[in-house]
């Protein structure tokens, strides 16, 4: 019977080697996990694939309408 291969990756934050059995996998520590979360929260990471769902595209079109003179009606 062949031996199981040990899964080893690099921590996405500090590039330290991490095995799949480590407690914080795929990160090397909780500190690196929190740093990565902060990058997502601040917008440093982005998922840049195009939006293909027609329902989502329709909703975005309504939110991004050009500003015009009728916007004064909403200011009090």
N, C-alpha and C. Protein backbone atom coordinates (compact mmCIF):
# COMPACT_ATOMS: atom_id res chain seq x y z
N UNK A 1 0.84 -1.17 0.00
CA UNK A 1 0.00 0.00 0.00
C UNK A 1 0.89 1.24 0.00
N UNK A 2 0.64 2.22 -0.92
CA UNK A 2 1.49 3.41 -0.98
C UNK A 2 1.26 4.32 0.24
N UNK A 3 2.32 4.97 0.64
CA UNK A 3 2.24 5.90 1.77
C UNK A 3 1.50 7.16 1.35
N UNK A 4 0.74 7.73 2.29
CA UNK A 4 0.03 8.97 2.01
C UNK A 4 1.02 10.12 1.92
N UNK A 5 0.78 11.01 0.94
CA UNK A 5 1.63 12.19 0.83
C UNK A 5 1.18 13.23 1.83
N UNK A 6 2.14 13.88 2.45
CA UNK A 6 1.85 14.92 3.41
C UNK A 6 1.62 16.23 2.65
N UNK A 7 0.49 16.89 2.89
CA UNK A 7 0.17 18.15 2.21
C UNK A 7 0.92 19.28 2.90
N UNK A 8 1.76 19.96 2.13
CA UNK A 8 2.52 21.09 2.65
C UNK A 8 2.32 22.27 1.72
N UNK A 9 1.90 23.39 2.30
CA UNK A 9 1.72 24.63 1.56
C UNK A 9 2.50 25.74 2.24
N UNK A 10 2.51 26.90 1.60
CA UNK A 10 3.11 28.08 2.22
C UNK A 10 2.01 28.97 2.76
N UNK A 11 2.24 29.54 3.92
CA UNK A 11 1.30 30.49 4.51
C UNK A 11 1.13 31.65 3.54
N UNK A 12 -0.12 32.02 3.19
CA UNK A 12 -0.33 33.10 2.22
C UNK A 12 0.16 34.46 2.70
N UNK A 13 0.37 34.62 4.00
CA UNK A 13 0.81 35.91 4.54
C UNK A 13 2.32 36.02 4.63
N UNK A 14 2.97 35.04 5.27
CA UNK A 14 4.42 35.16 5.51
C UNK A 14 5.25 34.14 4.76
N UNK A 15 4.61 33.24 4.03
CA UNK A 15 5.27 32.24 3.19
C UNK A 15 5.99 31.14 3.98
N UNK A 16 5.70 30.96 5.26
CA UNK A 16 6.25 29.87 6.06
C UNK A 16 5.59 28.56 5.63
N UNK A 17 6.35 27.46 5.63
CA UNK A 17 5.78 26.15 5.29
C UNK A 17 4.78 25.71 6.36
N UNK A 18 3.62 25.21 5.91
CA UNK A 18 2.55 24.78 6.81
C UNK A 18 2.03 23.44 6.31
N UNK A 19 1.79 22.51 7.23
CA UNK A 19 1.21 21.22 6.84
C UNK A 19 -0.29 21.24 7.09
N UNK A 20 -1.00 20.36 6.41
CA UNK A 20 -2.46 20.31 6.51
C UNK A 20 -2.93 19.94 7.91
N UNK A 21 -2.06 19.38 8.72
CA UNK A 21 -2.45 19.00 10.08
C UNK A 21 -2.25 20.13 11.08
N UNK A 22 -1.63 21.21 10.67
CA UNK A 22 -1.42 22.35 11.58
C UNK A 22 -2.75 22.97 11.97
N UNK A 23 -2.82 23.48 13.18
CA UNK A 23 -4.05 24.03 13.75
C UNK A 23 -4.61 25.20 12.93
N UNK A 24 -3.77 26.07 12.40
CA UNK A 24 -4.22 27.27 11.70
C UNK A 24 -4.17 27.14 10.18
N UNK A 25 -4.05 25.93 9.67
CA UNK A 25 -3.95 25.69 8.23
C UNK A 25 -5.06 26.43 7.48
N UNK A 26 -4.78 27.13 6.40
CA UNK A 26 -3.56 27.19 5.63
C UNK A 26 -2.58 28.27 6.09
N UNK A 27 -2.86 28.89 7.24
CA UNK A 27 -1.95 29.90 7.78
C UNK A 27 -1.03 29.26 8.80
N UNK A 28 0.09 29.92 9.09
CA UNK A 28 1.02 29.36 10.06
C UNK A 28 0.63 29.73 11.49
N UNK A 29 -0.14 30.81 11.65
CA UNK A 29 -0.52 31.26 12.98
C UNK A 29 -1.81 32.06 12.91
N UNK A 30 -2.37 32.32 14.08
CA UNK A 30 -3.58 33.15 14.15
C UNK A 30 -3.26 34.58 13.71
N UNK A 31 -2.05 35.03 14.00
CA UNK A 31 -1.64 36.38 13.61
C UNK A 31 -1.71 36.54 12.08
N UNK A 32 -1.19 35.57 11.35
CA UNK A 32 -1.22 35.63 9.88
C UNK A 32 -2.66 35.55 9.37
N UNK A 33 -3.50 34.78 10.04
CA UNK A 33 -4.92 34.67 9.66
C UNK A 33 -5.60 36.04 9.81
N UNK A 34 -5.34 36.75 10.91
CA UNK A 34 -5.95 38.05 11.16
C UNK A 34 -5.41 39.10 10.17
N UNK A 35 -4.14 39.05 9.84
CA UNK A 35 -3.56 39.96 8.85
C UNK A 35 -4.26 39.76 7.51
N UNK A 36 -4.46 38.52 7.11
CA UNK A 36 -5.14 38.22 5.85
C UNK A 36 -6.58 38.72 5.86
N UNK A 37 -7.29 38.51 6.97
CA UNK A 37 -8.66 38.99 7.10
C UNK A 37 -8.71 40.51 6.98
N UNK A 38 -7.75 41.19 7.58
CA UNK A 38 -7.68 42.65 7.49
C UNK A 38 -7.48 43.13 6.06
N UNK A 39 -6.70 42.39 5.28
CA UNK A 39 -6.50 42.76 3.87
C UNK A 39 -7.80 42.64 3.09
N UNK A 40 -8.59 41.59 3.37
CA UNK A 40 -9.89 41.46 2.70
C UNK A 40 -10.81 42.60 3.12
N UNK A 41 -10.84 42.89 4.43
CA UNK A 41 -11.75 43.92 4.95
C UNK A 41 -11.41 45.31 4.43
N UNK A 42 -10.13 45.58 4.21
CA UNK A 42 -9.72 46.90 3.75
C UNK A 42 -9.83 47.06 2.24
N UNK A 43 -10.12 45.97 1.53
CA UNK A 43 -10.25 46.04 0.08
C UNK A 43 -8.94 45.82 -0.66
N UNK A 44 -7.90 45.38 0.05
CA UNK A 44 -6.61 45.12 -0.61
C UNK A 44 -6.72 43.93 -1.56
N UNK A 45 -7.57 42.98 -1.22
CA UNK A 45 -7.82 41.84 -2.10
C UNK A 45 -9.15 42.08 -2.81
N UNK A 46 -9.20 41.71 -4.07
CA UNK A 46 -10.44 41.84 -4.84
C UNK A 46 -10.63 40.61 -5.70
N UNK A 47 -11.86 40.20 -5.89
CA UNK A 47 -12.19 39.14 -6.82
C UNK A 47 -12.58 39.84 -8.11
N UNK A 48 -11.78 39.69 -9.13
CA UNK A 48 -11.97 40.51 -10.33
C UNK A 48 -12.47 39.70 -11.53
N UNK A 49 -13.48 38.91 -11.29
CA UNK A 49 -14.09 38.22 -12.43
C UNK A 49 -15.34 38.99 -12.84
N UNK A 50 -15.70 38.96 -14.10
CA UNK A 50 -16.86 39.72 -14.55
C UNK A 50 -18.17 39.17 -13.97
N UNK A 51 -19.13 40.06 -13.77
CA UNK A 51 -20.45 39.65 -13.30
C UNK A 51 -21.26 39.22 -14.51
N UNK A 52 -21.71 37.97 -14.51
CA UNK A 52 -22.43 37.43 -15.65
C UNK A 52 -23.91 37.21 -15.37
N UNK A 53 -24.33 37.29 -14.12
CA UNK A 53 -25.73 37.06 -13.76
C UNK A 53 -26.57 38.27 -14.18
N UNK A 54 -27.53 38.11 -15.10
CA UNK A 54 -28.32 39.25 -15.58
C UNK A 54 -29.10 39.95 -14.47
N UNK A 55 -29.58 39.21 -13.47
CA UNK A 55 -30.31 39.84 -12.37
C UNK A 55 -29.41 40.77 -11.56
N UNK A 56 -28.17 40.37 -11.33
CA UNK A 56 -27.23 41.21 -10.59
C UNK A 56 -26.87 42.44 -11.41
N UNK A 57 -26.63 42.25 -12.70
CA UNK A 57 -26.30 43.38 -13.56
C UNK A 57 -27.43 44.39 -13.61
N UNK A 58 -28.66 43.92 -13.64
CA UNK A 58 -29.81 44.82 -13.68
C UNK A 58 -29.88 45.65 -12.40
N UNK A 59 -29.64 45.02 -11.27
CA UNK A 59 -29.65 45.73 -9.99
C UNK A 59 -28.55 46.77 -9.89
N UNK A 60 -27.38 46.47 -10.45
CA UNK A 60 -26.28 47.43 -10.43
C UNK A 60 -26.59 48.65 -11.29
N UNK A 61 -27.27 48.44 -12.40
CA UNK A 61 -27.62 49.56 -13.28
C UNK A 61 -28.50 50.57 -12.59
N UNK A 62 -29.40 50.11 -11.73
CA UNK A 62 -30.28 51.02 -11.00
C UNK A 62 -29.51 51.82 -9.97
N UNK A 63 -28.52 51.21 -9.35
CA UNK A 63 -27.75 51.88 -8.30
C UNK A 63 -26.78 52.90 -8.88
N UNK A 64 -26.34 52.72 -10.09
CA UNK A 64 -25.32 53.58 -10.67
C UNK A 64 -25.89 54.54 -11.71
N UNK A 65 -27.11 55.00 -11.51
CA UNK A 65 -27.70 55.89 -12.49
C UNK A 65 -27.01 57.24 -12.42
N UNK A 66 -26.94 57.95 -13.51
CA UNK A 66 -26.28 59.26 -13.51
C UNK A 66 -27.05 60.26 -12.66
N UNK A 67 -26.33 61.16 -12.04
CA UNK A 67 -26.95 62.20 -11.23
C UNK A 67 -27.50 63.28 -12.15
N UNK A 68 -28.65 63.77 -11.81
CA UNK A 68 -29.27 64.81 -12.63
C UNK A 68 -29.95 65.83 -11.77
N UNK A 69 -30.73 66.71 -12.40
CA UNK A 69 -31.42 67.77 -11.68
C UNK A 69 -32.47 67.23 -10.72
N UNK A 70 -33.03 66.07 -11.03
CA UNK A 70 -34.08 65.52 -10.18
C UNK A 70 -33.55 65.04 -8.83
N UNK A 71 -32.20 65.00 -8.65
CA UNK A 71 -31.62 64.60 -7.37
C UNK A 71 -31.93 65.62 -6.28
N UNK A 72 -32.25 66.88 -6.65
CA UNK A 72 -32.58 67.89 -5.67
C UNK A 72 -33.81 67.53 -4.86
N UNK A 73 -34.70 66.70 -5.44
CA UNK A 73 -35.92 66.29 -4.75
C UNK A 73 -35.61 65.49 -3.49
N UNK A 74 -34.44 64.86 -3.43
CA UNK A 74 -34.11 63.99 -2.32
C UNK A 74 -33.34 64.72 -1.21
N UNK A 75 -32.96 65.94 -1.44
CA UNK A 75 -32.23 66.71 -0.44
C UNK A 75 -33.19 67.57 0.36
N UNK A 76 -33.10 67.48 1.65
CA UNK A 76 -34.00 68.30 2.49
C UNK A 76 -33.23 69.24 3.35
